[in-house]
Amino acid sequence: MLRSMFTAINALNVHQMFLDVVSDNLANANTTAFKSSRVTFQTQIAQLMQAGAAPSATLGGVNPSQIGLGTSLGAITPNFAQGALQGTGRFTDLAIQGDGFFIFNNGAASFYSRDGALAIDANGYLVDAANGYMLQGWQATTSGSTTTVDTGQPLGAIQLPLNTTLARATTQAALGGNLDASIAVGESYDVTLGAYDSLGALQSVTLTFTRTSDTAWDWSAGGSGASGTGTVTFDANGQYSAGAGTVTIPGTNGAANTVVAMDFASLTQLATTSDASTVSQNGLAAGAFTSFYVTPESGEVYGIYSNGMQQLVGQVALANFVNPTGLERIGQNMYRVGLNSGDPVVGAANTGGRGSVVGGYLEGSNVDLTQEFTNMILAQRGFQASSRVITTSDEMLQELVNLKR
């Protein structure tokens, strides 16, 4: 009877731990990117009461007699199944669709999390909104007119270029409209071309179109010291046939020379009033940094400017683990490397089995309330049954004591 009481007491402790895990899961039902845990039980050692016997020529075999000494906690295993993505409308929020962890650093150590609720600090760094740990990745570098990210470099904090402005020089321009087919050879028509230099200043250039034959017009650039000439030809139906060229505008106030490739494919030569004009050019005036976005395919971070420009700023790094269930929870939705997790395998999103990064979303908790309430009932019933065993064993001991009366 004492054995049954000790077995039941042990079962009470195990079912209490079961309920503790259920309670933790339910408490975090609305915690961002929380991963629920499950409990498994295993048997304790069994006491051998009678050894078995092997069959003989005249007798059959006898099975051993054993009394189990209760249950013990097998394992508490996290469930890293994907949580539902919840739209937040905040461009600083990030979620991972698939495997992987964001990497954060507090200046002394690295930590790992599925929680991408970020903020921008006063220095422009992307940080965890709750604790200020810096999001890790790779900063972009610019060489000439090319901006790239080298994912082979060491990880570092990602800093947004706050209080910066960017401009883009015009490199392409297109004209459209009509050149009057009824004017005489030798007559001209002027078109004004606006082009931005490398400093974002608008330069005005005049393109003079002079009719040289029934189907051809020569053009030349003038104004602002610009240079450039060419010929545009049309077919018998007044449709563009051939002609191109470049206009070079000298730089001013330290700007580089602006070279604009001209596109005349939208011009026509019909018997109506000339109305040719500039229909597009790809230059932009100076614009200030306003926000950023993250590409889901690669996790690249692009700064957005008020003039519509987008500039590559950096790239978010993700980490994978051979055994993510071996990570240690340290609070604040953070994990650290555990003895059985393996080392982090760091890389870009959508590479090496890592998932994609989704901006404007957060990953929800993967707690299944139905399952947890069922587990709560199981834990309560197991605890209740073990307590009844203790009560019954106590009553039997009482009867034994009463034998002396």
Protein backbone atom coordinates (compact mmCIF):
# COMPACT_ATOMS: atom_id res chain seq x y z
CA MET A 1 0.00 0.00 0.00
CA LEU A 2 2.89 2.32 0.64
CA ARG A 3 4.11 1.51 -2.85
CA SER A 4 0.78 2.56 -4.37
CA MET A 5 0.85 5.84 -2.43
CA PHE A 6 4.36 6.74 -3.60
CA THR A 7 3.43 5.81 -7.17
CA ALA A 8 0.36 8.04 -7.00
CA ILE A 9 2.33 10.92 -5.44
CA ASN A 10 4.79 10.75 -8.33
CA ALA A 11 1.87 10.78 -10.79
CA LEU A 12 0.47 13.90 -9.09
CA ASN A 13 3.75 15.71 -9.71
CA VAL A 14 3.89 14.67 -13.36
CA HIS A 15 0.29 15.68 -14.07
CA GLN A 16 0.93 18.99 -12.35
CA MET A 17 3.81 19.60 -14.79
CA PHE A 18 1.48 18.59 -17.62
CA LEU A 19 -0.97 21.26 -16.47
CA ASP A 20 1.87 23.78 -16.13
CA VAL A 21 2.71 23.34 -19.83
CA VAL A 22 -0.95 23.61 -20.83
CA SER A 23 -1.23 26.77 -18.75
CA ASP A 24 1.82 28.29 -20.47
CA ASN A 25 0.39 27.47 -23.90
CA LEU A 26 -2.96 29.05 -23.09
CA ALA A 27 -1.33 32.12 -21.54
CA ASN A 28 0.52 32.70 -24.83
CA ALA A 29 -2.42 32.12 -27.16
CA ASN A 30 -2.03 35.73 -28.39
CA THR A 31 1.75 36.06 -28.12
CA THR A 32 3.40 36.97 -31.42
CA ALA A 33 5.08 33.97 -33.09
CA PHE A 34 4.71 31.83 -29.93
CA LYS A 35 5.36 28.12 -30.41
CA SER A 36 3.32 25.78 -28.22
CA SER A 37 4.82 22.81 -26.36
CA ARG A 38 3.55 19.31 -25.75
CA VAL A 39 4.22 16.87 -22.91
CA THR A 40 4.97 13.17 -23.28
CA PHE A 41 5.03 10.66 -20.41
CA GLN A 42 7.11 7.54 -19.98
CA THR A 43 6.97 4.65 -17.55
CA GLN A 44 9.10 4.47 -14.43
CA ILE A 45 11.13 1.42 -13.57
CA ALA A 46 9.13 -1.73 -12.84
CA GLN A 47 9.85 -3.86 -9.75
CA LEU A 48 10.42 -7.54 -10.56
CA MET A 49 8.30 -9.68 -8.24
CA GLN A 50 8.95 -13.05 -9.87
CA ALA A 51 11.34 -13.95 -12.64
CA GLY A 52 9.95 -15.80 -15.61
CA ALA A 53 10.92 -19.30 -16.71
CA ALA A 54 11.74 -20.67 -20.11
CA PRO A 55 9.76 -23.60 -21.52
CA SER A 56 11.12 -27.09 -20.85
CA ALA A 57 10.45 -30.51 -22.33
CA THR A 58 7.56 -31.07 -19.90
CA LEU A 59 6.49 -27.56 -18.81
CA GLY A 60 5.50 -24.39 -20.56
CA GLY A 61 7.20 -21.09 -19.99
CA VAL A 62 6.24 -18.66 -17.22
CA ASN A 63 6.12 -14.87 -17.74
CA PRO A 64 7.82 -12.57 -15.23
CA SER A 65 5.68 -10.73 -12.69
CA GLN A 66 6.39 -7.00 -12.50
CA ILE A 67 4.77 -4.07 -10.73
CA GLY A 68 5.31 -0.71 -12.35
CA LEU A 69 6.38 2.16 -10.12
CA GLY A 70 4.46 4.88 -11.92
CA THR A 71 5.15 7.44 -14.61
CA SER A 72 7.73 10.12 -15.28
CA LEU A 73 8.03 13.12 -17.56
CA GLY A 74 9.33 12.03 -20.95
CA ALA A 75 9.90 15.31 -22.80
CA ILE A 76 8.54 18.81 -23.22
CA THR A 77 8.80 19.40 -26.97
CA PRO A 78 8.14 22.71 -28.74
CA ASN A 79 5.95 22.66 -31.83
CA PHE A 80 7.49 24.87 -34.52
CA ALA A 81 4.55 24.60 -36.93
CA GLN A 82 3.77 27.75 -38.90
CA GLY A 83 1.49 30.25 -37.19
CA ALA A 84 -1.10 32.25 -39.12
CA LEU A 85 0.14 35.50 -40.67
CA GLN A 86 -1.79 38.52 -39.44
CA GLY A 87 -1.80 41.79 -41.39
CA THR A 88 -0.88 44.83 -39.28
CA GLY A 89 -0.66 47.68 -41.78
CA ARG A 90 2.75 48.67 -40.33
CA PHE A 91 5.63 48.60 -42.80
CA THR A 92 8.07 47.94 -39.94
CA ASP A 93 6.44 44.57 -39.11
CA LEU A 94 7.98 41.45 -40.64
CA ALA A 95 6.95 37.79 -40.59
CA ILE A 96 8.63 34.61 -41.80
CA GLN A 97 6.66 32.29 -44.08
CA GLY A 98 8.44 28.95 -43.73
CA ASP A 99 11.49 27.94 -41.74
CA GLY A 100 14.03 30.24 -40.18
CA PHE A 101 14.58 32.85 -37.49
CA PHE A 102 15.37 36.55 -37.44
CA ILE A 103 18.74 37.30 -35.84
CA PHE A 104 19.09 39.99 -33.17
CA ASN A 105 22.12 41.24 -31.29
CA ASN A 106 22.37 43.23 -28.06
CA GLY A 107 26.04 44.08 -28.44
CA ALA A 108 27.20 41.05 -26.47
CA ALA A 109 25.41 38.03 -27.95
CA SER A 110 23.11 36.95 -30.76
CA PHE A 111 19.53 35.77 -30.25
CA TYR A 112 16.94 34.26 -32.54
CA SER A 113 13.24 34.99 -32.90
CA ARG A 114 10.23 34.55 -35.16
CA ASP A 115 8.84 37.85 -33.87
CA GLY A 116 9.41 40.59 -36.45
CA ALA A 117 7.72 43.51 -34.65
CA LEU A 118 10.39 46.08 -35.47
CA ALA A 119 10.93 49.78 -34.89
CA ILE A 120 13.34 52.38 -36.23
CA ASP A 121 15.51 53.96 -33.54
CA ALA A 122 16.83 57.53 -33.53
CA ASN A 123 19.93 56.48 -35.48
CA GLY A 124 17.96 54.69 -38.18
CA TYR A 125 18.68 51.13 -37.03
CA LEU A 126 16.03 48.41 -37.32
CA VAL A 127 15.51 47.08 -33.80
CA ASP A 128 13.17 44.83 -31.84
CA ALA A 129 10.39 47.15 -30.71
CA ALA A 130 10.24 45.57 -27.23
CA ASN A 131 13.89 45.46 -26.17
CA GLY A 132 15.94 47.43 -28.70
CA TYR A 133 18.02 44.47 -29.88
CA MET A 134 19.36 45.23 -33.37
CA LEU A 135 18.16 43.22 -36.36
CA GLN A 136 21.07 41.58 -38.15
CA GLY A 137 21.75 41.40 -41.86
CA TRP A 138 24.04 42.94 -44.45
CA GLN A 139 24.38 46.62 -45.34
CA ALA A 140 24.40 47.55 -49.02
CA THR A 141 27.46 49.14 -50.61
CA THR A 142 27.56 51.47 -53.62
CA SER A 143 30.20 51.47 -56.32
CA GLY A 144 29.60 54.06 -59.01
CA SER A 145 25.95 53.75 -60.00
CA THR A 146 25.61 50.15 -58.75
CA THR A 147 24.38 49.23 -55.27
CA THR A 148 24.76 45.62 -54.11
CA VAL A 149 24.65 43.44 -51.00
CA ASP A 150 27.41 40.93 -50.31
CA THR A 151 25.90 38.13 -48.19
CA GLY A 152 29.38 36.66 -47.74
CA GLN A 153 30.35 39.49 -45.41
CA PRO A 154 29.95 39.30 -41.59
CA LEU A 155 26.55 40.14 -40.16
CA GLY A 156 25.84 43.59 -38.81
CA ALA A 157 23.01 45.91 -37.88
CA ILE A 158 20.86 47.31 -40.70
CA GLN A 159 20.78 51.11 -40.69
CA LEU A 160 18.29 53.10 -42.77
CA PRO A 161 19.55 56.33 -44.40
CA LEU A 162 17.38 58.77 -42.44
CA ASN A 163 17.65 62.48 -43.30
CA THR A 164 19.15 61.71 -46.72
CA THR A 165 18.04 62.79 -50.17
CA LEU A 166 18.57 61.21 -53.57
CA ALA A 167 18.25 62.44 -57.14
CA ARG A 168 18.47 60.61 -60.45
CA ALA A 169 19.94 62.06 -63.63
CA THR A 170 17.96 61.69 -66.82
CA THR A 171 19.40 59.01 -69.09
CA GLN A 172 16.41 58.36 -71.36
CA ALA A 173 13.70 60.58 -72.84
CA ALA A 174 10.93 60.00 -75.36
CA LEU A 175 9.11 62.40 -77.66
CA GLY A 176 5.60 61.97 -79.01
CA GLY A 177 3.10 63.89 -81.08
CA ASN A 178 3.10 65.15 -84.64
CA LEU A 179 5.39 67.05 -87.00
CA ASP A 180 3.28 68.86 -89.61
CA ALA A 181 3.68 67.20 -93.02
CA SER A 182 2.25 70.26 -94.80
CA ILE A 183 5.06 72.70 -93.97
CA ALA A 184 7.73 73.43 -96.54
CA VAL A 185 11.21 71.95 -96.60
CA GLY A 186 13.50 74.17 -94.54
CA GLU A 187 10.88 75.16 -91.96
CA SER A 188 11.41 74.24 -88.31
CA TYR A 189 9.57 73.33 -85.11
CA ASP A 190 11.00 73.57 -81.58
CA VAL A 191 10.42 71.06 -78.77
CA THR A 192 11.46 71.74 -75.18
CA LEU A 193 13.15 68.87 -73.34
CA GLY A 194 13.43 68.98 -69.55
CA ALA A 195 16.20 66.80 -68.09
CA TYR A 196 17.53 66.40 -64.54
CA ASP A 197 21.26 66.40 -63.87
CA SER A 198 23.03 64.26 -61.24
CA LEU A 199 22.24 66.85 -58.54
CA GLY A 200 18.53 66.81 -59.32
CA ALA A 201 18.50 70.22 -61.00
CA LEU A 202 16.18 70.57 -63.99
CA GLN A 203 17.91 71.62 -67.20
CA SER A 204 15.93 72.93 -70.17
CA VAL A 205 17.05 72.01 -73.67
CA THR A 206 15.53 73.01 -77.02
CA LEU A 207 15.34 70.41 -79.77
CA THR A 208 14.89 72.06 -83.17
CA PHE A 209 13.33 69.87 -85.89
CA THR A 210 13.97 71.11 -89.45
CA ARG A 211 12.27 69.46 -92.41
CA THR A 212 14.89 68.38 -94.97
CA SER A 213 12.78 66.27 -97.38
CA ASP A 214 9.32 64.81 -97.82
CA THR A 215 10.05 62.07 -95.24
CA ALA A 216 12.99 63.36 -93.16
CA TRP A 217 13.60 65.89 -90.38
CA ASP A 218 16.98 66.86 -88.96
CA TRP A 219 17.11 67.76 -85.29
CA SER A 220 19.69 69.53 -83.16
CA ALA A 221 19.92 70.38 -79.47
CA GLY A 222 20.53 73.86 -78.12
CA GLY A 223 20.29 75.79 -74.87
CA SER A 224 22.17 75.16 -71.60
CA GLY A 225 25.23 74.38 -73.71
CA ALA A 226 23.61 71.15 -74.90
CA SER A 227 24.79 69.32 -77.98
CA GLY A 228 23.42 66.54 -80.14
CA THR A 229 22.12 66.06 -83.67
CA GLY A 230 20.32 63.43 -85.70
CA THR A 231 17.69 62.65 -88.33
CA VAL A 232 14.19 61.21 -88.00
CA THR A 233 12.51 59.61 -91.02
CA PHE A 234 8.89 58.60 -91.67
CA ASP A 235 7.18 56.26 -94.12
CA ALA A 236 4.55 57.18 -96.72
CA ASN A 237 1.84 56.86 -94.07
CA GLY A 238 3.52 59.38 -91.80
CA GLN A 239 4.60 56.77 -89.27
CA TYR A 240 8.00 56.69 -87.61
CA SER A 241 10.57 54.79 -89.63
CA ALA A 242 14.00 55.41 -88.12
CA GLY A 243 16.07 57.84 -86.11
CA ALA A 244 17.69 58.14 -82.70
CA GLY A 245 20.57 59.90 -80.99
CA THR A 246 21.81 61.35 -77.73
CA VAL A 247 21.75 64.80 -76.18
CA THR A 248 24.65 65.85 -73.95
CA ILE A 249 24.03 68.53 -71.33
CA PRO A 250 27.08 70.01 -69.56
CA GLY A 251 27.06 69.71 -65.77
CA THR A 252 26.74 72.81 -63.62
CA ASN A 253 27.46 73.47 -59.93
CA GLY A 254 29.54 70.30 -59.74
CA ALA A 255 27.08 67.99 -61.49
CA ALA A 256 28.32 65.43 -64.00
CA ASN A 257 27.49 65.80 -67.68
CA THR A 258 24.04 64.45 -68.48
CA VAL A 259 23.79 62.18 -71.52
CA VAL A 260 20.22 61.49 -72.61
CA ALA A 261 19.31 58.75 -75.12
CA MET A 262 16.44 60.01 -77.27
CA ASP A 263 13.48 57.90 -78.39
CA PHE A 264 11.43 59.27 -81.33
CA ALA A 265 9.34 56.14 -82.02
CA SER A 266 6.09 57.87 -80.97
CA LEU A 267 6.44 60.76 -83.44
CA THR A 268 4.29 60.98 -86.56
CA GLN A 269 4.37 63.13 -89.71
CA LEU A 270 0.78 63.86 -90.65
CA ALA A 271 -0.89 66.82 -92.36
CA THR A 272 -1.97 68.55 -89.16
CA THR A 273 -0.52 71.13 -86.82
CA SER A 274 2.78 70.23 -85.17
CA ASP A 275 2.38 69.35 -81.48
CA ALA A 276 5.43 67.22 -80.72
CA SER A 277 6.51 67.30 -77.08
CA THR A 278 8.35 65.32 -74.42
CA VAL A 279 6.17 62.46 -73.19
CA SER A 280 8.56 60.85 -70.69
CA GLN A 281 12.00 61.04 -69.12
CA ASN A 282 13.46 58.93 -66.32
CA GLY A 283 15.20 61.60 -64.23
CA LEU A 284 14.02 62.65 -60.78
CA ALA A 285 14.48 65.75 -58.67
CA ALA A 286 15.94 65.40 -55.17
CA GLY A 287 13.70 63.53 -52.73
CA ALA A 288 13.89 62.77 -49.00
CA PHE A 289 13.80 59.32 -47.35
CA THR A 290 10.24 58.49 -46.25
CA SER A 291 9.94 54.74 -45.54
CA PHE A 292 11.19 51.30 -46.53
CA TYR A 293 9.94 47.91 -47.64
CA VAL A 294 11.33 44.37 -47.61
CA THR A 295 11.14 42.10 -50.65
CA PRO A 296 9.61 38.68 -49.81
CA GLU A 297 11.79 36.79 -52.27
CA SER A 298 15.16 37.77 -50.83
CA GLY A 299 14.55 39.90 -47.74
CA GLU A 300 16.24 42.91 -49.36
CA VAL A 301 15.51 46.24 -47.70
CA TYR A 302 14.73 49.16 -50.03
CA GLY A 303 14.49 52.77 -48.93
CA ILE A 304 11.64 54.77 -50.46
CA TYR A 305 12.08 58.47 -51.23
CA SER A 306 9.55 61.24 -51.71
CA ASN A 307 10.42 61.54 -55.40
CA GLY A 308 9.54 57.88 -56.01
CA MET A 309 13.09 56.54 -56.00
CA GLN A 310 13.86 53.20 -54.38
CA GLN A 311 17.38 52.54 -53.13
CA LEU A 312 18.77 49.20 -51.92
CA VAL A 313 19.76 49.67 -48.27
CA GLY A 314 20.54 46.17 -47.03
CA GLN A 315 19.28 42.62 -46.67
CA VAL A 316 17.74 40.79 -43.72
CA ALA A 317 19.55 37.62 -42.63
CA LEU A 318 17.74 34.45 -41.51
CA ALA A 319 19.12 31.55 -39.48
CA ASN A 320 18.19 27.88 -39.70
CA PHE A 321 18.93 25.11 -37.20
CA VAL A 322 19.25 21.37 -37.67
CA ASN A 323 17.13 20.90 -34.54
CA PRO A 324 15.17 24.06 -33.69
CA THR A 325 13.39 22.23 -30.85
CA GLY A 326 16.78 22.21 -29.11
CA LEU A 327 16.84 26.01 -28.80
CA GLU A 328 16.49 27.52 -25.33
CA ARG A 329 13.70 29.98 -24.61
CA ILE A 330 14.98 33.05 -22.78
CA GLY A 331 11.86 35.22 -22.77
CA GLN A 332 10.83 38.25 -24.86
CA ASN A 333 10.06 35.89 -27.76
CA MET A 334 13.79 35.15 -28.04
CA TYR A 335 15.79 31.94 -28.27
CA ARG A 336 19.47 31.21 -27.89
CA VAL A 337 21.57 28.33 -29.19
CA GLY A 338 21.11 25.18 -27.11
CA LEU A 339 23.38 22.21 -26.57
CA ASN A 340 21.32 20.10 -28.98
CA SER A 341 20.10 22.71 -31.46
CA GLY A 342 23.16 22.76 -33.67
CA ASP A 343 24.87 25.92 -34.81
CA PRO A 344 22.91 28.54 -36.78
CA VAL A 345 23.14 28.29 -40.56
CA VAL A 346 22.86 31.89 -41.71
CA GLY A 347 21.83 33.06 -45.16
CA ALA A 348 19.33 35.06 -47.19
CA ALA A 349 15.61 34.37 -47.36
CA ASN A 350 14.48 31.64 -49.78
CA THR A 351 17.90 29.98 -49.78
CA GLY A 352 19.07 26.83 -48.04
CA GLY A 353 15.60 25.85 -46.88
CA ARG A 354 14.94 29.22 -45.25
CA GLY A 355 11.51 30.78 -45.71
CA SER A 356 10.45 34.11 -47.17
CA VAL A 357 10.10 37.44 -45.38
CA VAL A 358 6.70 39.15 -45.55
CA GLY A 359 6.41 42.86 -44.76
CA GLY A 360 3.36 44.34 -43.04
CA TYR A 361 2.53 41.06 -41.24
CA LEU A 362 3.28 39.34 -37.94
CA GLU A 363 3.15 35.62 -37.28
CA GLY A 364 0.50 34.61 -34.77
CA SER A 365 0.73 32.02 -32.01
CA ASN A 366 0.28 28.41 -33.14
CA VAL A 367 -1.57 27.40 -29.95
CA ASP A 368 -4.59 25.18 -30.73
CA LEU A 369 -7.15 26.16 -28.08
CA THR A 370 -9.28 23.06 -28.69
CA GLN A 371 -6.32 20.75 -28.12
CA GLU A 372 -5.16 22.69 -25.05
CA PHE A 373 -8.55 22.57 -23.34
CA THR A 374 -8.68 18.84 -24.05
CA ASN A 375 -5.21 18.46 -22.53
CA MET A 376 -6.40 20.43 -19.53
CA ILE A 377 -9.16 17.91 -18.96
CA LEU A 378 -6.72 15.01 -19.35
CA ALA A 379 -4.30 16.57 -16.85
CA GLN A 380 -7.10 17.21 -14.35
CA ARG A 381 -8.49 13.70 -14.65
CA GLY A 382 -5.06 12.12 -14.31
CA PHE A 383 -4.36 14.24 -11.24
CA GLN A 384 -7.78 13.41 -9.78
CA ALA A 385 -7.37 9.66 -10.35
CA SER A 386 -3.95 9.65 -8.67
CA SER A 387 -5.34 11.54 -5.69
CA ARG A 388 -8.08 8.89 -5.37
CA VAL A 389 -5.40 6.20 -5.23
CA ILE A 390 -3.79 8.01 -2.30
CA THR A 391 -7.16 8.27 -0.54
CA THR A 392 -7.91 4.61 -1.09
CA SER A 393 -4.43 3.53 0.08
CA ASP A 394 -4.90 5.62 3.20
CA GLU A 395 -8.22 3.92 3.91
CA MET A 396 -6.62 0.48 3.52
CA LEU A 397 -3.83 1.48 5.91
CA GLN A 398 -6.49 2.63 8.37
CA GLU A 399 -8.18 -0.75 8.17
CA LEU A 400 -4.84 -2.41 8.86
CA VAL A 401 -4.34 -0.28 11.94
CA ASN A 402 -7.84 -1.13 13.11
CA LEU A 403 -7.06 -4.87 13.13
CA LYS A 404 -5.63 -4.59 16.65
CA ARG A 405 -8.98 -3.49 18.08
